[in-house]
Amino acid sequence: MTNVTSQIKNILFICSANKDRSKTAEDLFAERYNDIAFSSAGTNKTTGQKLGTNFMQREQLQAANIIYVMETKHSEAIRTEFGSVFHHKIKILHIKDHYKYNDRELIELLLQRVAFS
């Protein structure tokens, strides 16, 4: 169940390529909550450049109140790139890379696992 508080202003979703999972999450929640800024990014810079998607940036991570990553490897990629400074903001959703953009099952998982608190 989603619990939105007035303190949460920026939510960042991260997956590998910023093509399917994190982009679905960004669009899904942006449509539902006008008072929160949502963004998304990927941890794979090379793939992001090929696909024209967003690679994670320090500024995004700094601005985010919560950073939702799809898998543990994404949390590790953040730590490798930026150190442990953002570790306290990270929540792992445990959603494997089995879904395409806007997949119904992916949306259900996001609705079940994402909580803004």
PDB file of N, CA and C in Angstrom:
ATOM      1  N   MET A   1       0.841  -1.180   0.000  1.00  0.00           N
ATOM      2  CA  MET A   1       0.000   0.000   0.000  1.00  0.00           C
ATOM      3  C   MET A   1       0.886   1.243   0.000  1.00  0.00           C
ATOM      4  N   THR A   2       0.512   2.229  -0.747  1.00  0.00           N
ATOM      5  CA  THR A   2       1.296   3.436  -0.843  1.00  0.00           C
ATOM      6  C   THR A   2       0.874   4.437   0.223  1.00  0.00           C
ATOM      7  N   ASN A   3       1.854   4.968   0.927  1.00  0.00           N
ATOM      8  CA  ASN A   3       1.613   5.948   1.972  1.00  0.00           C
ATOM      9  C   ASN A   3       2.442   7.185   1.652  1.00  0.00           C
ATOM     10  N   VAL A   4       1.793   8.269   1.214  1.00  0.00           N
ATOM     11  CA  VAL A   4       2.506   9.466   0.811  1.00  0.00           C
ATOM     12  C   VAL A   4       2.521  10.454   1.964  1.00  0.00           C
ATOM     13  N   THR A   5       3.703  10.992   2.260  1.00  0.00           N
ATOM     14  CA  THR A   5       3.811  12.016   3.287  1.00  0.00           C
ATOM     15  C   THR A   5       4.226  13.324   2.640  1.00  0.00           C
ATOM     16  N   SER A   6       3.951  14.426   3.294  1.00  0.00           N
ATOM     17  CA  SER A   6       4.256  15.737   2.735  1.00  0.00           C
ATOM     18  C   SER A   6       5.760  16.009   2.658  1.00  0.00           C
ATOM     19  N   GLN A   7       6.576  15.237   3.354  1.00  0.00           N
ATOM     20  CA  GLN A   7       8.019  15.449   3.339  1.00  0.00           C
ATOM     21  C   GLN A   7       8.684  14.887   2.083  1.00  0.00           C
ATOM     22  N   ILE A   8       8.042  13.961   1.434  1.00  0.00           N
ATOM     23  CA  ILE A   8       8.622  13.328   0.257  1.00  0.00           C
ATOM     24  C   ILE A   8       8.338  14.198  -0.967  1.00  0.00           C
ATOM     25  N   LYS A   9       9.399  14.666  -1.590  1.00  0.00           N
ATOM     26  CA  LYS A   9       9.255  15.544  -2.752  1.00  0.00           C
ATOM     27  C   LYS A   9       9.879  14.973  -4.013  1.00  0.00           C
ATOM     28  N   ASN A  10      10.894  14.127  -3.872  1.00  0.00           N
ATOM     29  CA  ASN A  10      11.623  13.596  -5.024  1.00  0.00           C
ATOM     30  C   ASN A  10      11.877  12.101  -4.853  1.00  0.00           C
ATOM     31  N   ILE A  11      11.418  11.338  -5.836  1.00  0.00           N
ATOM     32  CA  ILE A  11      11.609   9.884  -5.841  1.00  0.00           C
ATOM     33  C   ILE A  11      12.368   9.519  -7.110  1.00  0.00           C
ATOM     34  N   LEU A  12      13.402   8.709  -6.960  1.00  0.00           N
ATOM     35  CA  LEU A  12      14.204   8.255  -8.087  1.00  0.00           C
ATOM     36  C   LEU A  12      14.101   6.734  -8.195  1.00  0.00           C
ATOM     37  N   PHE A  13      13.827   6.249  -9.403  1.00  0.00           N
ATOM     38  CA  PHE A  13      13.790   4.815  -9.679  1.00  0.00           C
ATOM     39  C   PHE A  13      14.986   4.473 -10.567  1.00  0.00           C
ATOM     40  N   ILE A  14      15.667   3.373 -10.222  1.00  0.00           N
ATOM     41  CA  ILE A  14      16.851   2.964 -10.973  1.00  0.00           C
ATOM     42  C   ILE A  14      16.772   1.488 -11.341  1.00  0.00           C
ATOM     43  N   CYS A  15      17.088   1.216 -12.622  1.00  0.00           N
ATOM     44  CA  CYS A  15      17.284  -0.156 -13.090  1.00  0.00           C
ATOM     45  C   CYS A  15      18.556  -0.154 -13.933  1.00  0.00           C
ATOM     46  N   SER A  16      18.734  -1.116 -14.787  1.00  0.00           N
ATOM     47  CA  SER A  16      19.980  -1.203 -15.549  1.00  0.00           C
ATOM     48  C   SER A  16      20.038  -0.209 -16.703  1.00  0.00           C
ATOM     49  N   ALA A  17      19.018  -0.223 -17.571  1.00  0.00           N
ATOM     50  CA  ALA A  17      19.073   0.576 -18.797  1.00  0.00           C
ATOM     51  C   ALA A  17      18.133   1.775 -18.799  1.00  0.00           C
ATOM     52  N   ASN A  18      17.254   1.898 -17.800  1.00  0.00           N
ATOM     53  CA  ASN A  18      16.253   2.965 -17.753  1.00  0.00           C
ATOM     54  C   ASN A  18      15.321   2.895 -18.954  1.00  0.00           C
ATOM     55  N   LYS A  19      15.011   1.662 -19.350  1.00  0.00           N
ATOM     56  CA  LYS A  19      14.145   1.465 -20.513  1.00  0.00           C
ATOM     57  C   LYS A  19      12.784   0.919 -20.117  1.00  0.00           C
ATOM     58  N   ASP A  20      12.750  -0.055 -19.237  1.00  0.00           N
ATOM     59  CA  ASP A  20      11.496  -0.734 -18.924  1.00  0.00           C
ATOM     60  C   ASP A  20      11.059  -0.542 -17.474  1.00  0.00           C
ATOM     61  N   ARG A  21      11.789  -1.116 -16.524  1.00  0.00           N
ATOM     62  CA  ARG A  21      11.329  -1.116 -15.137  1.00  0.00           C
ATOM     63  C   ARG A  21      11.311   0.273 -14.507  1.00  0.00           C
ATOM     64  N   SER A  22      12.436   0.957 -14.508  1.00  0.00           N
ATOM     65  CA  SER A  22      12.466   2.270 -13.840  1.00  0.00           C
ATOM     66  C   SER A  22      11.623   3.301 -14.582  1.00  0.00           C
ATOM     67  N   LYS A  23      11.586   3.226 -15.884  1.00  0.00           N
ATOM     68  CA  LYS A  23      10.770   4.166 -16.662  1.00  0.00           C
ATOM     69  C   LYS A  23       9.281   3.907 -16.422  1.00  0.00           C
ATOM     70  N   THR A  24       8.882   2.639 -16.332  1.00  0.00           N
ATOM     71  CA  THR A  24       7.497   2.310 -15.996  1.00  0.00           C
ATOM     72  C   THR A  24       7.144   2.882 -14.635  1.00  0.00           C
ATOM     73  N   ALA A  25       8.025   2.698 -13.658  1.00  0.00           N
ATOM     74  CA  ALA A  25       7.768   3.201 -12.304  1.00  0.00           C
ATOM     75  C   ALA A  25       7.635   4.724 -12.306  1.00  0.00           C
ATOM     76  N   GLU A  26       8.546   5.402 -12.968  1.00  0.00           N
ATOM     77  CA  GLU A  26       8.488   6.865 -13.031  1.00  0.00           C
ATOM     78  C   GLU A  26       7.153   7.332 -13.618  1.00  0.00           C
ATOM     79  N   ASP A  27       6.774   6.778 -14.752  1.00  0.00           N
ATOM     80  CA  ASP A  27       5.546   7.207 -15.426  1.00  0.00           C
ATOM     81  C   ASP A  27       4.295   6.834 -14.639  1.00  0.00           C
ATOM     82  N   LEU A  28       4.295   5.644 -14.051  1.00  0.00           N
ATOM     83  CA  LEU A  28       3.148   5.170 -13.273  1.00  0.00           C
ATOM     84  C   LEU A  28       2.855   6.101 -12.099  1.00  0.00           C
ATOM     85  N   PHE A  29       3.868   6.384 -11.307  1.00  0.00           N
ATOM     86  CA  PHE A  29       3.644   7.176 -10.109  1.00  0.00           C
ATOM     87  C   PHE A  29       3.504   8.674 -10.411  1.00  0.00           C
ATOM     88  N   ALA A  30       4.156   9.163 -11.456  1.00  0.00           N
ATOM     89  CA  ALA A  30       4.004  10.567 -11.844  1.00  0.00           C
ATOM     90  C   ALA A  30       2.557  10.855 -12.244  1.00  0.00           C
ATOM     91  N   GLU A  31       1.915   9.876 -12.834  1.00  0.00           N
ATOM     92  CA  GLU A  31       0.510  10.026 -13.239  1.00  0.00           C
ATOM     93  C   GLU A  31      -0.419  10.066 -12.022  1.00  0.00           C
ATOM     94  N   ARG A  32      -0.026   9.433 -10.940  1.00  0.00           N
ATOM     95  CA  ARG A  32      -0.873   9.320  -9.754  1.00  0.00           C
ATOM     96  C   ARG A  32      -0.636  10.395  -8.701  1.00  0.00           C
ATOM     97  N   TYR A  33       0.558  10.967  -8.646  1.00  0.00           N
ATOM     98  CA  TYR A  33       0.903  11.917  -7.585  1.00  0.00           C
ATOM     99  C   TYR A  33       1.491  13.191  -8.182  1.00  0.00           C
ATOM    100  N   ASN A  34       0.700  14.242  -8.223  1.00  0.00           N
ATOM    101  CA  ASN A  34       1.142  15.511  -8.809  1.00  0.00           C
ATOM    102  C   ASN A  34       2.088  16.290  -7.912  1.00  0.00           C
ATOM    103  N   ASP A  35       2.082  16.010  -6.619  1.00  0.00           N
ATOM    104  CA  ASP A  35       2.866  16.795  -5.670  1.00  0.00           C
ATOM    105  C   ASP A  35       4.255  16.219  -5.386  1.00  0.00           C
ATOM    106  N   ILE A  36       4.631  15.174  -6.107  1.00  0.00           N
ATOM    107  CA  ILE A  36       5.945  14.557  -5.939  1.00  0.00           C
ATOM    108  C   ILE A  36       6.636  14.526  -7.300  1.00  0.00           C
ATOM    109  N   ALA A  37       7.917  14.834  -7.324  1.00  0.00           N
ATOM    110  CA  ALA A  37       8.702  14.743  -8.557  1.00  0.00           C
ATOM    111  C   ALA A  37       9.288  13.339  -8.667  1.00  0.00           C
ATOM    112  N   PHE A  38       9.075  12.705  -9.792  1.00  0.00           N
ATOM    113  CA  PHE A  38       9.599  11.365 -10.040  1.00  0.00           C
ATOM    114  C   PHE A  38      10.592  11.426 -11.194  1.00  0.00           C
ATOM    115  N   SER A  39      11.662  10.668 -11.064  1.00  0.00           N
ATOM    116  CA  SER A  39      12.624  10.559 -12.152  1.00  0.00           C
ATOM    117  C   SER A  39      13.138   9.123 -12.183  1.00  0.00           C
ATOM    118  N   SER A  40      13.868   8.809 -13.237  1.00  0.00           N
ATOM    119  CA  SER A  40      14.411   7.460 -13.357  1.00  0.00           C
ATOM    120  C   SER A  40      15.741   7.524 -14.097  1.00  0.00           C
ATOM    121  N   ALA A  41      16.525   6.475 -13.894  1.00  0.00           N
ATOM    122  CA  ALA A  41      17.846   6.405 -14.513  1.00  0.00           C
ATOM    123  C   ALA A  41      18.303   4.953 -14.546  1.00  0.00           C
ATOM    124  N   GLY A  42      19.383   4.737 -15.265  1.00  0.00           N
ATOM    125  CA  GLY A  42      19.968   3.407 -15.359  1.00  0.00           C
ATOM    126  C   GLY A  42      21.387   3.402 -14.829  1.00  0.00           C
ATOM    127  N   THR A  43      21.868   2.215 -14.528  1.00  0.00           N
ATOM    128  CA  THR A  43      23.228   2.057 -14.014  1.00  0.00           C
ATOM    129  C   THR A  43      24.224   1.693 -15.111  1.00  0.00           C
ATOM    130  N   ASN A  44      23.740   1.345 -16.308  1.00  0.00           N
ATOM    131  CA  ASN A  44      24.618   0.935 -17.397  1.00  0.00           C
ATOM    132  C   ASN A  44      24.771   2.082 -18.388  1.00  0.00           C
ATOM    133  N   LYS A  45      25.876   2.775 -18.280  1.00  0.00           N
ATOM    134  CA  LYS A  45      26.110   3.967 -19.101  1.00  0.00           C
ATOM    135  C   LYS A  45      26.169   3.636 -20.591  1.00  0.00           C
ATOM    136  N   THR A  46      26.846   2.563 -20.939  1.00  0.00           N
ATOM    137  CA  THR A  46      26.991   2.179 -22.345  1.00  0.00           C
ATOM    138  C   THR A  46      25.642   1.870 -22.975  1.00  0.00           C
ATOM    139  N   THR A  47      24.839   1.068 -22.297  1.00  0.00           N
ATOM    140  CA  THR A  47      23.513   0.737 -22.817  1.00  0.00           C
ATOM    141  C   THR A  47      22.645   1.988 -22.892  1.00  0.00           C
ATOM    142  N   GLY A  48      22.720   2.824 -21.886  1.00  0.00           N
ATOM    143  CA  GLY A  48      21.958   4.063 -21.886  1.00  0.00           C
ATOM    144  C   GLY A  48      22.299   4.952 -23.065  1.00  0.00           C
ATOM    145  N   GLN A  49      23.582   5.038 -23.394  1.00  0.00           N
ATOM    146  CA  GLN A  49      23.999   5.846 -24.549  1.00  0.00           C
ATOM    147  C   GLN A  49      23.459   5.257 -25.843  1.00  0.00           C
ATOM    148  N   LYS A  50      23.483   3.940 -25.971  1.00  0.00           N
ATOM    149  CA  LYS A  50      22.961   3.286 -27.173  1.00  0.00           C
ATOM    150  C   LYS A  50      21.457   3.485 -27.321  1.00  0.00           C
ATOM    151  N   LEU A  51      20.742   3.417 -26.198  1.00  0.00           N
ATOM    152  CA  LEU A  51      19.277   3.516 -26.221  1.00  0.00           C
ATOM    153  C   LEU A  51      18.768   4.952 -26.097  1.00  0.00           C
ATOM    154  N   GLY A  52      19.654   5.871 -25.743  1.00  0.00           N
ATOM    155  CA  GLY A  52      19.234   7.257 -25.526  1.00  0.00           C
ATOM    156  C   GLY A  52      18.466   7.445 -24.220  1.00  0.00           C
ATOM    157  N   THR A  53      18.791   6.630 -23.211  1.00  0.00           N
ATOM    158  CA  THR A  53      18.126   6.730 -21.914  1.00  0.00           C
ATOM    159  C   THR A  53      19.054   7.393 -20.901  1.00  0.00           C
ATOM    160  N   ASN A  54      18.541   7.654 -19.712  1.00  0.00           N
ATOM    161  CA  ASN A  54      19.271   8.398 -18.684  1.00  0.00           C
ATOM    162  C   ASN A  54      20.202   7.506 -17.881  1.00  0.00           C
ATOM    163  N   PHE A  55      21.451   7.930 -17.749  1.00  0.00           N
ATOM    164  CA  PHE A  55      22.397   7.299 -16.845  1.00  0.00           C
ATOM    165  C   PHE A  55      22.317   8.047 -15.511  1.00  0.00           C
ATOM    166  N   MET A  56      22.418   7.342 -14.411  1.00  0.00           N
ATOM    167  CA  MET A  56      22.296   7.966 -13.086  1.00  0.00           C
ATOM    168  C   MET A  56      23.326   9.087 -12.912  1.00  0.00           C
ATOM    169  N   GLN A  57      22.872  10.176 -12.326  1.00  0.00           N
ATOM    170  CA  GLN A  57      23.713  11.343 -12.095  1.00  0.00           C
ATOM    171  C   GLN A  57      23.726  11.671 -10.600  1.00  0.00           C
ATOM    172  N   ARG A  58      24.847  12.140 -10.129  1.00  0.00           N
ATOM    173  CA  ARG A  58      24.990  12.513  -8.721  1.00  0.00           C
ATOM    174  C   ARG A  58      23.885  13.481  -8.292  1.00  0.00           C
ATOM    175  N   GLU A  59      23.561  14.452  -9.135  1.00  0.00           N
ATOM    176  CA  GLU A  59      22.543  15.443  -8.802  1.00  0.00           C
ATOM    177  C   GLU A  59      21.183  14.792  -8.545  1.00  0.00           C
ATOM    178  N   GLN A  60      20.828  13.802  -9.369  1.00  0.00           N
ATOM    179  CA  GLN A  60      19.569  13.070  -9.173  1.00  0.00           C
ATOM    180  C   GLN A  60      19.562  12.346  -7.840  1.00  0.00           C
ATOM    181  N   LEU A  61      20.648  11.685  -7.541  1.00  0.00           N
ATOM    182  CA  LEU A  61      20.759  10.934  -6.292  1.00  0.00           C
ATOM    183  C   LEU A  61      20.706  11.872  -5.087  1.00  0.00           C
ATOM    184  N   GLN A  62      21.351  13.009  -5.197  1.00  0.00           N
ATOM    185  CA  GLN A  62      21.334  13.980  -4.102  1.00  0.00           C
ATOM    186  C   GLN A  62      19.934  14.544  -3.873  1.00  0.00           C
ATOM    187  N   ALA A  63      19.214  14.836  -4.948  1.00  0.00           N
ATOM    188  CA  ALA A  63      17.888  15.451  -4.843  1.00  0.00           C
ATOM    189  C   ALA A  63      16.832  14.476  -4.332  1.00  0.00           C
ATOM    190  N   ALA A  64      17.040  13.187  -4.532  1.00  0.00           N
ATOM    191  CA  ALA A  64      16.030  12.184  -4.182  1.00  0.00           C
ATOM    192  C   ALA A  64      15.902  12.001  -2.677  1.00  0.00           C
ATOM    193  N   ASN A  65      14.652  11.954  -2.205  1.00  0.00           N
ATOM    194  CA  ASN A  65      14.389  11.574  -0.817  1.00  0.00           C
ATOM    195  C   ASN A  65      14.505  10.062  -0.664  1.00  0.00           C
ATOM    196  N   ILE A  66      14.050   9.338  -1.683  1.00  0.00           N
ATOM    197  CA  ILE A  66      14.118   7.871  -1.704  1.00  0.00           C
ATOM    198  C   ILE A  66      14.633   7.455  -3.072  1.00  0.00           C
ATOM    199  N   ILE A  67      15.532   6.488  -3.082  1.00  0.00           N
ATOM    200  CA  ILE A  67      16.041   5.906  -4.323  1.00  0.00           C
ATOM    201  C   ILE A  67      15.606   4.449  -4.345  1.00  0.00           C
ATOM    202  N   TYR A  68      14.682   4.136  -5.233  1.00  0.00           N
ATOM    203  CA  TYR A  68      14.238   2.750  -5.393  1.00  0.00           C
ATOM    204  C   TYR A  68      15.058   2.106  -6.494  1.00  0.00           C
ATOM    205  N   VAL A  69      15.729   1.016  -6.146  1.00  0.00           N
ATOM    206  CA  VAL A  69      16.461   0.242  -7.144  1.00  0.00           C
ATOM    207  C   VAL A  69      15.730  -1.080  -7.345  1.00  0.00           C
ATOM    208  N   MET A  70      15.799  -1.587  -8.553  1.00  0.00           N
ATOM    209  CA  MET A  70      15.055  -2.804  -8.871  1.00  0.00           C
ATOM    210  C   MET A  70      15.720  -4.056  -8.316  1.00  0.00           C
ATOM    211  N   GLU A  71      17.060  -4.077  -8.295  1.00  0.00           N
ATOM    212  CA  GLU A  71      17.795  -5.252  -7.827  1.00  0.00           C
ATOM    213  C   GLU A  71      18.989  -4.807  -6.981  1.00  0.00           C
ATOM    214  N   THR A  72      19.521  -5.742  -6.223  1.00  0.00           N
ATOM    215  CA  THR A  72      20.693  -5.481  -5.383  1.00  0.00           C
ATOM    216  C   THR A  72      21.856  -4.971  -6.212  1.00  0.00           C
ATOM    217  N   LYS A  73      22.024  -5.486  -7.430  1.00  0.00           N
ATOM    218  CA  LYS A  73      23.152  -5.069  -8.265  1.00  0.00           C
ATOM    219  C   LYS A  73      23.100  -3.573  -8.581  1.00  0.00           C
ATOM    220  N   HIS A  74      21.916  -2.989  -8.577  1.00  0.00           N
ATOM    221  CA  HIS A  74      21.812  -1.550  -8.840  1.00  0.00           C
ATOM    222  C   HIS A  74      22.300  -0.739  -7.640  1.00  0.00           C
ATOM    223  N   SER A  75      22.011  -1.224  -6.459  1.00  0.00           N
ATOM    224  CA  SER A  75      22.530  -0.592  -5.245  1.00  0.00           C
ATOM    225  C   SER A  75      24.057  -0.669  -5.227  1.00  0.00           C
ATOM    226  N   GLU A  76      24.583  -1.800  -5.627  1.00  0.00           N
ATOM    227  CA  GLU A  76      26.032  -1.985  -5.690  1.00  0.00           C
ATOM    228  C   GLU A  76      26.658  -1.065  -6.730  1.00  0.00           C
ATOM    229  N   ALA A  77      25.973  -0.862  -7.857  1.00  0.00           N
ATOM    230  CA  ALA A  77      26.481   0.035  -8.904  1.00  0.00           C
ATOM    231  C   ALA A  77      26.543   1.476  -8.404  1.00  0.00           C
ATOM    232  N   ILE A  78      25.545   1.873  -7.634  1.00  0.00           N
ATOM    233  CA  ILE A  78      25.556   3.219  -7.045  1.00  0.00           C
ATOM    234  C   ILE A  78      26.738   3.357  -6.091  1.00  0.00           C
ATOM    235  N   ARG A  79      26.944   2.344  -5.267  1.00  0.00           N
ATOM    236  CA  ARG A  79      28.056   2.374  -4.312  1.00  0.00           C
ATOM    237  C   ARG A  79      29.399   2.410  -5.042  1.00  0.00           C
ATOM    238  N   THR A  80      29.527   1.659  -6.119  1.00  0.00           N
ATOM    239  CA  THR A  80      30.770   1.647  -6.892  1.00  0.00           C
ATOM    240  C   THR A  80      31.039   3.014  -7.516  1.00  0.00           C
ATOM    241  N   GLU A  81      30.008   3.634  -8.044  1.00  0.00           N
ATOM    242  CA  GLU A  81      30.148   4.919  -8.734  1.00  0.00           C
ATOM    243  C   GLU A  81      30.318   6.103  -7.778  1.00  0.00           C
ATOM    244  N   PHE A  82      29.595   6.083  -6.649  1.00  0.00           N
ATOM    245  CA  PHE A  82      29.522   7.263  -5.784  1.00  0.00           C
ATOM    246  C   PHE A  82      29.914   7.019  -4.320  1.00  0.00           C
ATOM    247  N   GLY A  83      30.284   5.798  -3.972  1.00  0.00           N
ATOM    248  CA  GLY A  83      30.577   5.490  -2.578  1.00  0.00           C
ATOM    249  C   GLY A  83      29.284   5.228  -1.812  1.00  0.00           C
ATOM    250  N   SER A  84      29.359   5.245  -0.512  1.00  0.00           N
ATOM    251  CA  SER A  84      28.200   4.874   0.307  1.00  0.00           C
ATOM    252  C   SER A  84      27.344   6.062   0.745  1.00  0.00           C
ATOM    253  N   VAL A  85      27.612   7.248   0.201  1.00  0.00           N
ATOM    254  CA  VAL A  85      26.923   8.460   0.639  1.00  0.00           C
ATOM    255  C   VAL A  85      25.400   8.390   0.444  1.00  0.00           C
ATOM    256  N   PHE A  86      24.921   7.635  -0.533  1.00  0.00           N
ATOM    257  CA  PHE A  86      23.482   7.555  -0.800  1.00  0.00           C
ATOM    258  C   PHE A  86      22.838   6.290  -0.248  1.00  0.00           C
ATOM    259  N   HIS A  87      23.616   5.474   0.424  1.00  0.00           N
ATOM    260  CA  HIS A  87      23.137   4.165   0.891  1.00  0.00           C
ATOM    261  C   HIS A  87      21.877   4.275   1.754  1.00  0.00           C
ATOM    262  N   HIS A  88      21.789   5.282   2.614  1.00  0.00           N
ATOM    263  CA  HIS A  88      20.644   5.430   3.522  1.00  0.00           C
ATOM    264  C   HIS A  88      19.335   5.746   2.795  1.00  0.00           C
ATOM    265  N   LYS A  89      19.407   6.160   1.541  1.00  0.00           N
ATOM    266  CA  LYS A  89      18.208   6.497   0.765  1.00  0.00           C
ATOM    267  C   LYS A  89      17.694   5.327  -0.073  1.00  0.00           C
ATOM    268  N   ILE A  90      18.487   4.278  -0.210  1.00  0.00           N
ATOM    269  CA  ILE A  90      18.192   3.199  -1.156  1.00  0.00           C
ATOM    270  C   ILE A  90      17.255   2.154  -0.564  1.00  0.00           C
ATOM    271  N   LYS A  91      16.254   1.801  -1.367  1.00  0.00           N
ATOM    272  CA  LYS A  91      15.354   0.694  -1.044  1.00  0.00           C
ATOM    273  C   LYS A  91      15.326  -0.236  -2.250  1.00  0.00           C
ATOM    274  N   ILE A  92      15.528  -1.509  -1.988  1.00  0.00           N
ATOM    275  CA  ILE A  92      15.590  -2.500  -3.056  1.00  0.00           C
ATOM    276  C   ILE A  92      14.210  -3.140  -3.235  1.00  0.00           C
ATOM    277  N   LEU A  93      13.709  -3.108  -4.473  1.00  0.00           N
ATOM    278  CA  LEU A  93      12.374  -3.637  -4.769  1.00  0.00           C
ATOM    279  C   LEU A  93      12.386  -5.127  -5.138  1.00  0.00           C
ATOM    280  N   HIS A  94      13.522  -5.673  -5.460  1.00  0.00           N
ATOM    281  CA  HIS A  94      13.662  -7.093  -5.836  1.00  0.00           C
ATOM    282  C   HIS A  94      12.741  -7.440  -7.013  1.00  0.00           C
ATOM    283  N   ILE A  95      12.879  -6.655  -8.068  1.00  0.00           N
ATOM    284  CA  ILE A  95      12.123  -6.902  -9.303  1.00  0.00           C
ATOM    285  C   ILE A  95      13.137  -7.211 -10.400  1.00  0.00           C
ATOM    286  N   LYS A  96      13.137  -8.458 -10.844  1.00  0.00           N
ATOM    287  CA  LYS A  96      14.082  -8.927 -11.860  1.00  0.00           C
ATOM    288  C   LYS A  96      13.762  -8.321 -13.225  1.00  0.00           C
ATOM    289  N   ASP A  97      14.724  -8.429 -14.121  1.00  0.00           N
ATOM    290  CA  ASP A  97      14.607  -7.856 -15.458  1.00  0.00           C
ATOM    291  C   ASP A  97      13.863  -8.812 -16.398  1.00  0.00           C
ATOM    292  N   HIS A  98      12.589  -9.056 -16.078  1.00  0.00           N
ATOM    293  CA  HIS A  98      11.759  -9.955 -16.887  1.00  0.00           C
ATOM    294  C   HIS A  98      10.616  -9.219 -17.569  1.00  0.00           C
ATOM    295  N   TYR A  99      10.569  -7.908 -17.461  1.00  0.00           N
ATOM    296  CA  TYR A  99       9.386  -7.159 -17.865  1.00  0.00           C
ATOM    297  C   TYR A  99       9.711  -6.106 -18.912  1.00  0.00           C
ATOM    298  N   LYS A 100       8.756  -5.840 -19.755  1.00  0.00           N
ATOM    299  CA  LYS A 100       8.833  -4.755 -20.727  1.00  0.00           C
ATOM    300  C   LYS A 100       8.127  -3.537 -20.147  1.00  0.00           C
ATOM    301  N   TYR A 101       8.324  -2.410 -20.789  1.00  0.00           N
ATOM    302  CA  TYR A 101       7.713  -1.161 -20.344  1.00  0.00           C
ATOM    303  C   TYR A 101       6.203  -1.328 -20.210  1.00  0.00           C
ATOM    304  N   ASN A 102       5.677  -0.899 -19.083  1.00  0.00           N
ATOM    305  CA  ASN A 102       4.243  -0.883 -18.782  1.00  0.00           C
ATOM    306  C   ASN A 102       3.594  -2.270 -18.706  1.00  0.00           C
ATOM    307  N   ASP A 103       4.383  -3.302 -18.502  1.00  0.00           N
ATOM    308  CA  ASP A 103       3.853  -4.659 -18.342  1.00  0.00           C
ATOM    309  C   ASP A 103       2.909  -4.684 -17.142  1.00  0.00           C
ATOM    310  N   ARG A 104       1.776  -5.305 -17.300  1.00  0.00           N
ATOM    311  CA  ARG A 104       0.755  -5.343 -16.241  1.00  0.00           C
ATOM    312  C   ARG A 104       1.297  -5.960 -14.950  1.00  0.00           C
ATOM    313  N   GLU A 105       2.037  -7.040 -15.042  1.00  0.00           N
ATOM    314  CA  GLU A 105       2.593  -7.684 -13.846  1.00  0.00           C
ATOM    315  C   GLU A 105       3.625  -6.784 -13.168  1.00  0.00           C
ATOM    316  N   LEU A 106       4.423  -6.082 -13.960  1.00  0.00           N
ATOM    317  CA  LEU A 106       5.384  -5.131 -13.412  1.00  0.00           C
ATOM    318  C   LEU A 106       4.662  -4.023 -12.647  1.00  0.00           C
ATOM    319  N   ILE A 107       3.605  -3.499 -13.209  1.00  0.00           N
ATOM    320  CA  ILE A 107       2.821  -2.449 -12.542  1.00  0.00           C
ATOM    321  C   ILE A 107       2.263  -2.950 -11.221  1.00  0.00           C
ATOM    322  N   GLU A 108       1.749  -4.159 -11.198  1.00  0.00           N
ATOM    323  CA  GLU A 108       1.226  -4.735  -9.948  1.00  0.00           C
ATOM    324  C   GLU A 108       2.319  -4.859  -8.893  1.00  0.00           C
ATOM    325  N   LEU A 109       3.493  -5.322  -9.301  1.00  0.00           N
ATOM    326  CA  LEU A 109       4.613  -5.437  -8.358  1.00  0.00           C
ATOM    327  C   LEU A 109       5.009  -4.072  -7.815  1.00  0.00           C
ATOM    328  N   LEU A 110       5.074  -3.088  -8.677  1.00  0.00           N
ATOM    329  CA  LEU A 110       5.430  -1.735  -8.232  1.00  0.00           C
ATOM    330  C   LEU A 110       4.407  -1.201  -7.243  1.00  0.00           C
ATOM    331  N   LEU A 111       3.139  -1.382  -7.538  1.00  0.00           N
ATOM    332  CA  LEU A 111       2.091  -0.900  -6.636  1.00  0.00           C
ATOM    333  C   LEU A 111       2.143  -1.600  -5.278  1.00  0.00           C
ATOM    334  N   GLN A 112       2.542  -2.857  -5.269  1.00  0.00           N
ATOM    335  CA  GLN A 112       2.639  -3.608  -4.023  1.00  0.00           C
ATOM    336  C   GLN A 112       3.875  -3.226  -3.198  1.00  0.00           C
ATOM    337  N   ARG A 113       4.984  -2.933  -3.881  1.00  0.00           N
ATOM    338  CA  ARG A 113       6.269  -2.803  -3.180  1.00  0.00           C
ATOM    339  C   ARG A 113       6.732  -1.365  -2.917  1.00  0.00           C
ATOM    340  N   VAL A 114       6.165  -0.406  -3.610  1.00  0.00           N
ATOM    341  CA  VAL A 114       6.613   0.979  -3.438  1.00  0.00           C
ATOM    342  C   VAL A 114       5.750   1.675  -2.398  1.00  0.00           C
ATOM    343  N   ALA A 115       6.401   2.234  -1.393  1.00  0.00           N
ATOM    344  CA  ALA A 115       5.708   3.005  -0.355  1.00  0.00           C
ATOM    345  C   ALA A 115       6.529   4.255  -0.078  1.00  0.00           C
ATOM    346  N   PHE A 116       5.889   5.390  -0.070  1.00  0.00           N
ATOM    347  CA  PHE A 116       6.577   6.658   0.182  1.00  0.00           C
ATOM    348  C   PHE A 116       6.421   7.001   1.657  1.00  0.00           C
ATOM    349  N   SER A 117       7.420   6.654   2.430  1.00  0.00           N
ATOM    350  CA  SER A 117       7.342   6.947   3.863  1.00  0.00           C
ATOM    351  C   SER A 117       8.684   7.353   4.406  1.00  0.00           C
TER     352      SER A 117
END
